[in-house]
Structure formats: C-alpha cells, structure tokens
C-alpha atoms as a PDB file:
ATOM      1  CA  GLN A   1     106.064 149.910 137.040  1.00  0.00           C
ATOM      2  CA  VAL A   2     108.112 153.048 136.437  1.00  0.00           C
ATOM      3  CA  SER A   3     109.780 154.806 139.363  1.00  0.00           C
ATOM      4  CA  PHE A   4     111.406 158.184 138.784  1.00  0.00           C
ATOM      5  CA  ASP A   5     114.445 159.367 140.739  1.00  0.00           C
ATOM      6  CA  GLU A   6     113.550 162.571 142.594  1.00  0.00           C
ATOM      7  CA  ASP A   7     117.168 163.761 142.377  1.00  0.00           C
ATOM      8  CA  ALA A   8     116.916 163.782 138.566  1.00  0.00           C
ATOM      9  CA  VAL A   9     113.245 164.348 137.763  1.00  0.00           C
ATOM     10  CA  ILE A  10     111.339 167.505 138.647  1.00  0.00           C
ATOM     11  CA  ALA A  11     107.973 166.358 137.290  1.00  0.00           C
ATOM     12  CA  TRP A  12     106.458 163.626 135.148  1.00  0.00           C
ATOM     13  CA  ARG A  13     103.133 162.458 133.795  1.00  0.00           C
ATOM     14  CA  LEU A  14     101.958 159.379 131.970  1.00  0.00           C
ATOM     15  CA  ILE A  15     100.259 160.138 128.665  1.00  0.00           C
ATOM     16  CA  GLY A  16      97.396 157.727 128.177  1.00  0.00           C
ATOM     17  CA  TYR A  17      96.899 154.591 130.269  1.00  0.00           C
ATOM     18  CA  GLU A  18      95.768 156.730 133.205  1.00  0.00           C
ATOM     19  CA  ASN A  19      93.049 154.155 133.855  1.00  0.00           C
ATOM     20  CA  ARG A  20      95.716 151.432 134.242  1.00  0.00           C
ATOM     21  CA  ASP A  21      97.653 153.164 137.030  1.00  0.00           C
ATOM     22  CA  VAL A  22      98.568 150.825 139.863  1.00  0.00           C
ATOM     23  CA  ALA A  23      99.522 152.148 143.280  1.00  0.00           C
ATOM     24  CA  ASP A  24     103.150 151.444 144.185  1.00  0.00           C
ATOM     25  CA  GLN A  25     102.129 149.223 147.095  1.00  0.00           C
ATOM     26  CA  ASP A  26      99.940 147.102 144.770  1.00  0.00           C
ATOM     27  CA  PHE A  27     102.566 146.421 142.085  1.00  0.00           C
ATOM     28  CA  ARG A  28     103.588 143.074 143.585  1.00  0.00           C
ATOM     29  CA  ASP A  29     100.033 142.063 144.521  1.00  0.00           C
ATOM     30  CA  ASP A  30      98.988 139.472 141.922  1.00  0.00           C
ATOM     31  CA  ALA A  31      95.337 140.001 142.874  1.00  0.00           C
ATOM     32  CA  VAL A  32      95.449 143.597 141.563  1.00  0.00           C
ATOM     33  CA  ASP A  33      94.847 143.957 137.821  1.00  0.00           C
ATOM     34  CA  GLY A  34      97.750 145.925 136.437  1.00  0.00           C
ATOM     35  CA  GLY A  35      97.295 145.782 132.693  1.00  0.00           C
ATOM     36  CA  GLU A  36      98.696 142.433 131.696  1.00  0.00           C
ATOM     37  CA  ILE A  37     100.604 142.034 128.453  1.00  0.00           C
ATOM     38  CA  GLY A  38     100.275 138.672 126.756  1.00  0.00           C
ATOM     39  CA  SER A  39     103.214 136.596 125.628  1.00  0.00           C
ATOM     40  CA  GLY A  40     104.624 137.897 122.356  1.00  0.00           C
ATOM     41  CA  HIS A  41     102.911 141.262 122.708  1.00  0.00           C
ATOM     42  CA  GLN A  42     104.382 144.663 123.374  1.00  0.00           C
ATOM     43  CA  VAL A  43     103.163 147.991 124.685  1.00  0.00           C
ATOM     44  CA  THR A  44     104.516 151.520 124.582  1.00  0.00           C
ATOM     45  CA  ALA A  45     104.079 153.925 127.470  1.00  0.00           C
ATOM     46  CA  VAL A  46     104.824 157.590 126.822  1.00  0.00           C
ATOM     47  CA  TYR A  47     105.861 159.852 129.681  1.00  0.00           C
ATOM     48  CA  ASP A  48     106.296 163.610 129.708  1.00  0.00           C
ATOM     49  CA  VAL A  49     109.335 164.126 131.945  1.00  0.00           C
ATOM     50  CA  VAL A  50     110.984 167.328 133.182  1.00  0.00           C
ATOM     51  CA  LEU A  51     114.603 166.730 134.145  1.00  0.00           C
ATOM     52  CA  ARG A  52     116.845 168.755 136.391  1.00  0.00           C
ATOM     53  CA  ASP A  53     119.693 170.617 134.691  1.00  0.00           C
ATOM     54  CA  HIS A  54     123.258 169.312 134.423  1.00  0.00           C
ATOM     55  CA  LEU A  55     122.768 165.658 135.296  1.00  0.00           C
ATOM     56  CA  ALA A  56     125.768 163.346 135.229  1.00  0.00           C
ATOM     57  CA  ALA A  57     125.591 160.667 132.536  1.00  0.00           C
ATOM     58  CA  ASP A  58     125.358 157.926 135.163  1.00  0.00           C
ATOM     59  CA  GLN A  59     122.657 159.707 137.224  1.00  0.00           C
ATOM     60  CA  PRO A  60     119.615 157.405 137.325  1.00  0.00           C
ATOM     61  CA  ILE A  61     116.465 158.959 135.903  1.00  0.00           C
ATOM     62  CA  ALA A  62     114.069 156.049 136.239  1.00  0.00           C
ATOM     63  CA  THR A  63     113.794 152.375 137.033  1.00  0.00           C
ATOM     64  CA  VAL A  64     111.372 150.225 135.055  1.00  0.00           C
ATOM     65  CA  SER A  65     110.223 147.070 136.829  1.00  0.00           C
ATOM     66  CA  VAL A  66     108.519 144.253 134.968  1.00  0.00           C
ATOM     67  CA  ARG A  67     106.840 141.283 136.634  1.00  0.00           C
ATOM     68  CA  ALA A  68     105.921 138.099 134.842  1.00  0.00           C
ATOM     69  CA  LYS A  69     104.440 134.787 135.843  1.00  0.00           C
ATOM     70  CA  PRO A  70     105.695 131.772 133.921  1.00  0.00           C
ATOM     71  CA  PRO A  71     102.974 129.540 132.439  1.00  0.00           C
ATOM     72  CA  GLY A  72     101.562 126.890 134.690  1.00  0.00           C
ATOM     73  CA  PRO A  73      99.678 126.777 137.955  1.00  0.00           C
ATOM     74  CA  ASP A  74     101.216 128.070 141.149  1.00  0.00           C
ATOM     75  CA  ARG A  75     104.365 129.395 139.459  1.00  0.00           C
ATOM     76  CA  ALA A  76     105.896 132.336 141.318  1.00  0.00           C
ATOM     77  CA  ALA A  77     106.166 135.666 139.534  1.00  0.00           C
ATOM     78  CA  GLN A  78     109.613 136.888 138.577  1.00  0.00           C
ATOM     79  CA  GLU A  79     110.688 140.521 138.477  1.00  0.00           C
ATOM     80  CA  TRP A  80     113.284 142.393 136.440  1.00  0.00           C
ATOM     81  CA  ASP A  81     114.476 145.954 136.991  1.00  0.00           C
ATOM     82  CA  THR A  82     116.097 148.133 134.349  1.00  0.00           C
ATOM     83  CA  ARG A  83     117.651 151.464 135.301  1.00  0.00           C
ATOM     84  CA  PHE A  84     117.785 154.333 132.840  1.00  0.00           C
ATOM     85  CA  PRO A  85     120.655 156.784 133.356  1.00  0.00           C
ATOM     86  CA  ALA A  86     120.699 160.384 132.149  1.00  0.00           C
ATOM     87  CA  GLY A  87     123.322 159.478 129.553  1.00  0.00           C
ATOM     88  CA  LEU A  88     120.593 157.849 127.439  1.00  0.00           C
ATOM     89  CA  VAL A  89     118.777 161.168 126.989  1.00  0.00           C
ATOM     90  CA  ARG A  90     119.183 162.814 123.591  1.00  0.00           C
ATOM     91  CA  HIS A  91     119.217 166.592 123.814  1.00  0.00           C
ATOM     92  CA  GLN A  92     118.078 167.188 120.235  1.00  0.00           C
ATOM     93  CA  TRP A  93     114.729 166.009 118.859  1.00  0.00           C
ATOM     94  CA  ALA A  94     116.450 165.213 115.550  1.00  0.00           C
ATOM     95  CA  ALA A  95     118.424 162.488 117.355  1.00  0.00           C
ATOM     96  CA  ALA A  96     115.237 160.723 118.490  1.00  0.00           C
ATOM     97  CA  SER A  97     114.455 157.344 116.964  1.00  0.00           C
ATOM     98  CA  THR A  98     111.661 156.992 114.435  1.00  0.00           C
ATOM     99  CA  ASP A  99     109.811 154.756 116.903  1.00  0.00           C
ATOM    100  CA  LEU A 100     109.902 157.479 119.559  1.00  0.00           C
ATOM    101  CA  ARG A 101     108.811 160.129 117.075  1.00  0.00           C
ATOM    102  CA  ALA A 102     105.867 157.977 115.954  1.00  0.00           C
ATOM    103  CA  ALA A 103     104.822 157.291 119.568  1.00  0.00           C
ATOM    104  CA  TRP A 104     105.096 161.003 120.391  1.00  0.00           C
ATOM    105  CA  THR A 105     103.006 161.943 117.351  1.00  0.00           C
ATOM    106  CA  LEU A 106     100.250 159.490 118.265  1.00  0.00           C
ATOM    107  CA  ALA A 107     100.297 160.546 121.915  1.00  0.00           C
ATOM    108  CA  GLN A 108     100.053 164.211 120.931  1.00  0.00           C
ATOM    109  CA  LEU A 109      97.198 163.439 118.553  1.00  0.00           C
ATOM    110  CA  ALA A 110      95.332 161.721 121.380  1.00  0.00           C
ATOM    111  CA  GLU A 111      96.029 164.670 123.695  1.00  0.00           C
ATOM    112  CA  LYS A 112      94.637 167.132 121.136  1.00  0.00           C
ATOM    113  CA  LEU A 113      91.554 164.997 120.484  1.00  0.00           C
ATOM    114  CA  ARG A 114      90.656 164.849 124.140  1.00  0.00           C
ATOM    115  CA  GLY A 115      91.253 168.573 124.600  1.00  0.00           C
ATOM    116  CA  SER A 116      94.199 168.215 126.952  1.00  0.00           C
ATOM    117  CA  PRO A 117      95.555 171.520 128.250  1.00  0.00           C
ATOM    118  CA  PHE A 118      99.024 170.110 127.563  1.00  0.00           C
ATOM    119  CA  SER A 119      98.403 170.181 123.809  1.00  0.00           C
ATOM    120  CA  THR A 120      97.194 173.747 123.333  1.00  0.00           C
ATOM    121  CA  GLU A 121     100.582 175.113 122.239  1.00  0.00           C
ATOM    122  CA  LEU A 122     101.083 172.387 119.630  1.00  0.00           C
ATOM    123  CA  SER A 123      99.635 173.422 116.281  1.00  0.00           C
ATOM    124  CA  TRP A 124      97.952 170.994 113.933  1.00  0.00           C
ATOM    125  CA  GLU A 125     100.479 172.032 111.305  1.00  0.00           C
ATOM    126  CA  ARG A 126     103.406 171.038 113.547  1.00  0.00           C
ATOM    127  CA  LEU A 127     101.743 167.724 114.341  1.00  0.00           C
ATOM    128  CA  LEU A 128     101.234 167.028 110.633  1.00  0.00           C
ATOM    129  CA  GLU A 129     104.878 167.926 109.918  1.00  0.00           C
ATOM    130  CA  GLU A 130     105.993 165.359 112.467  1.00  0.00           C
ATOM    131  CA  ALA A 131     103.653 162.700 111.062  1.00  0.00           C
ATOM    132  CA  LEU A 132     105.019 163.348 107.569  1.00  0.00           C
ATOM    133  CA  GLU A 133     108.582 163.123 108.877  1.00  0.00           C
ATOM    134  CA  VAL A 134     107.820 159.743 110.465  1.00  0.00           C
ATOM    135  CA  GLU A 135     106.386 158.641 107.121  1.00  0.00           C
ATOM    136  CA  ASP A 136     109.502 159.859 105.285  1.00  0.00           C
ATOM    137  CA  GLN A 137     111.651 157.824 107.704  1.00  0.00           C
ATOM    138  CA  GLY A 138     109.813 154.652 106.650  1.00  0.00           C
ATOM    139  CA  PHE A 139     107.891 153.924 109.838  1.00  0.00           C
ATOM    140  CA  PRO A 140     105.458 151.023 109.196  1.00  0.00           C
ATOM    141  CA  ARG A 141     101.898 152.213 108.573  1.00  0.00           C
ATOM    142  CA  ALA A 142     102.943 155.850 108.994  1.00  0.00           C
ATOM    143  CA  ASP A 143     100.474 156.719 106.253  1.00  0.00           C
ATOM    144  CA  GLU A 144      97.731 155.861 108.751  1.00  0.00           C
ATOM    145  CA  ILE A 145      99.221 158.301 111.260  1.00  0.00           C
ATOM    146  CA  VAL A 146      99.303 161.034 108.599  1.00  0.00           C
ATOM    147  CA  ASP A 147      95.696 160.267 107.615  1.00  0.00           C
ATOM    148  CA  ALA A 148      94.575 160.323 111.269  1.00  0.00           C
ATOM    149  CA  VAL A 149      96.192 163.724 111.884  1.00  0.00           C
ATOM    150  CA  ARG A 150      94.639 165.151 108.719  1.00  0.00           C
ATOM    151  CA  LEU A 151      91.195 163.745 109.574  1.00  0.00           C
ATOM    152  CA  ALA A 152      91.324 164.954 113.175  1.00  0.00           C
ATOM    153  CA  HIS A 153      92.470 168.403 112.098  1.00  0.00           C
ATOM    154  CA  GLY A 154      89.434 168.668 109.836  1.00  0.00           C
ATOM    155  CA  LEU A 155      86.975 167.890 112.619  1.00  0.00           C
ATOM    156  CA  THR A 156      85.333 170.634 114.605  1.00  0.00           C
ATOM    157  CA  GLU A 157      85.497 170.517 118.392  1.00  0.00           C
ATOM    158  CA  GLY A 158      81.841 169.424 118.510  1.00  0.00           C
ATOM    159  CA  GLN A 159      82.489 166.589 116.078  1.00  0.00           C
ATOM    160  CA  VAL A 160      85.387 165.355 118.202  1.00  0.00           C
ATOM    161  CA  ARG A 161      83.222 165.334 121.336  1.00  0.00           C
ATOM    162  CA  ALA A 162      80.444 163.465 119.510  1.00  0.00           C
ATOM    163  CA  ALA A 163      82.890 160.913 118.113  1.00  0.00           C
ATOM    164  CA  LEU A 164      84.485 160.326 121.522  1.00  0.00           C
ATOM    165  CA  ALA A 165      81.068 159.930 123.164  1.00  0.00           C
ATOM    166  CA  ALA A 166      79.954 157.322 120.607  1.00  0.00           C
END
C-alpha cells in the first residue's frame, strides 16, 4: 500500500496494476485479494508523481506499507512501513538508476500500446533512445526491451488493437 503525503504531492497515478487497486480501508483485511507476492518474488510498481516545489529533504513524500503472513496456519500478518523523504528524489533524469530507467521505459511502452493520453507527447524515437541507453548500461535482457519498442513502433494502431484483443 502506498500513501502519498498531501503536503508534498500535488497529484499521482499508478501506471499499470490498476486492476489490483485495494481501497485503503481494505488493506488490512486478509479476506480482500490485494495482489499477493510469493516468497522470493519481487514486483515493481511505477507511479507518476507531481511534487510541490521546494520541499525540505526530510519532508515525507510517501509511505509504503507491506503486509506479510508467515507460513503456517493461523499466523498473524505482520506489517512494515517505509517512509520516503524528498531527499531521495533525483532532480536530473541522468542520475536515475538503470533499474528505474528500464521500468520507466517498459511502463511508457505499455502506455503507448494501450493508447494512453499520458503518452501522446512521448515520441517513439525518444522511447527507443531510452531503451538503447538501458541496453548500453548493461541492464539484463535489455535487448528484449529494445526489440519490443522497435516491434511496437512498427505496428499500426489497428494492429495494436487487434493484438490486445487477442
């Protein structure tokens, strides 16, 4: 569960996983399916966040809460909270990690494929440049990201709709 601080965040949206959204009041309800992650697995959630100007480094932006049930019957769930302060934000895209850049590239590719209005200003050329940069930085399987961007760019809008409907 991600909670954004209204004093720091003007607006936010989750990119992908919209069908896994859990209402705040249901987060601690074990009967509500919230998109479980198996032991040893990981998941990346990408958010588009608009921050207020001039935040102090210690100003909280978001709190991420994770709940887990230990193996075994009738074991109570445990919860951990991690706060993210504004000081963790990098103000230059060049300072972003390769992992973040790869996640952004894949999220933007998905946005373009589904015709999201949020992706209209991003050119295919810019998306390919970013995919190639991720590849140059040695991201594992980045060649597949580059191939996916190239393939998607070559599809017509009708082909994308047909492929998504299949």
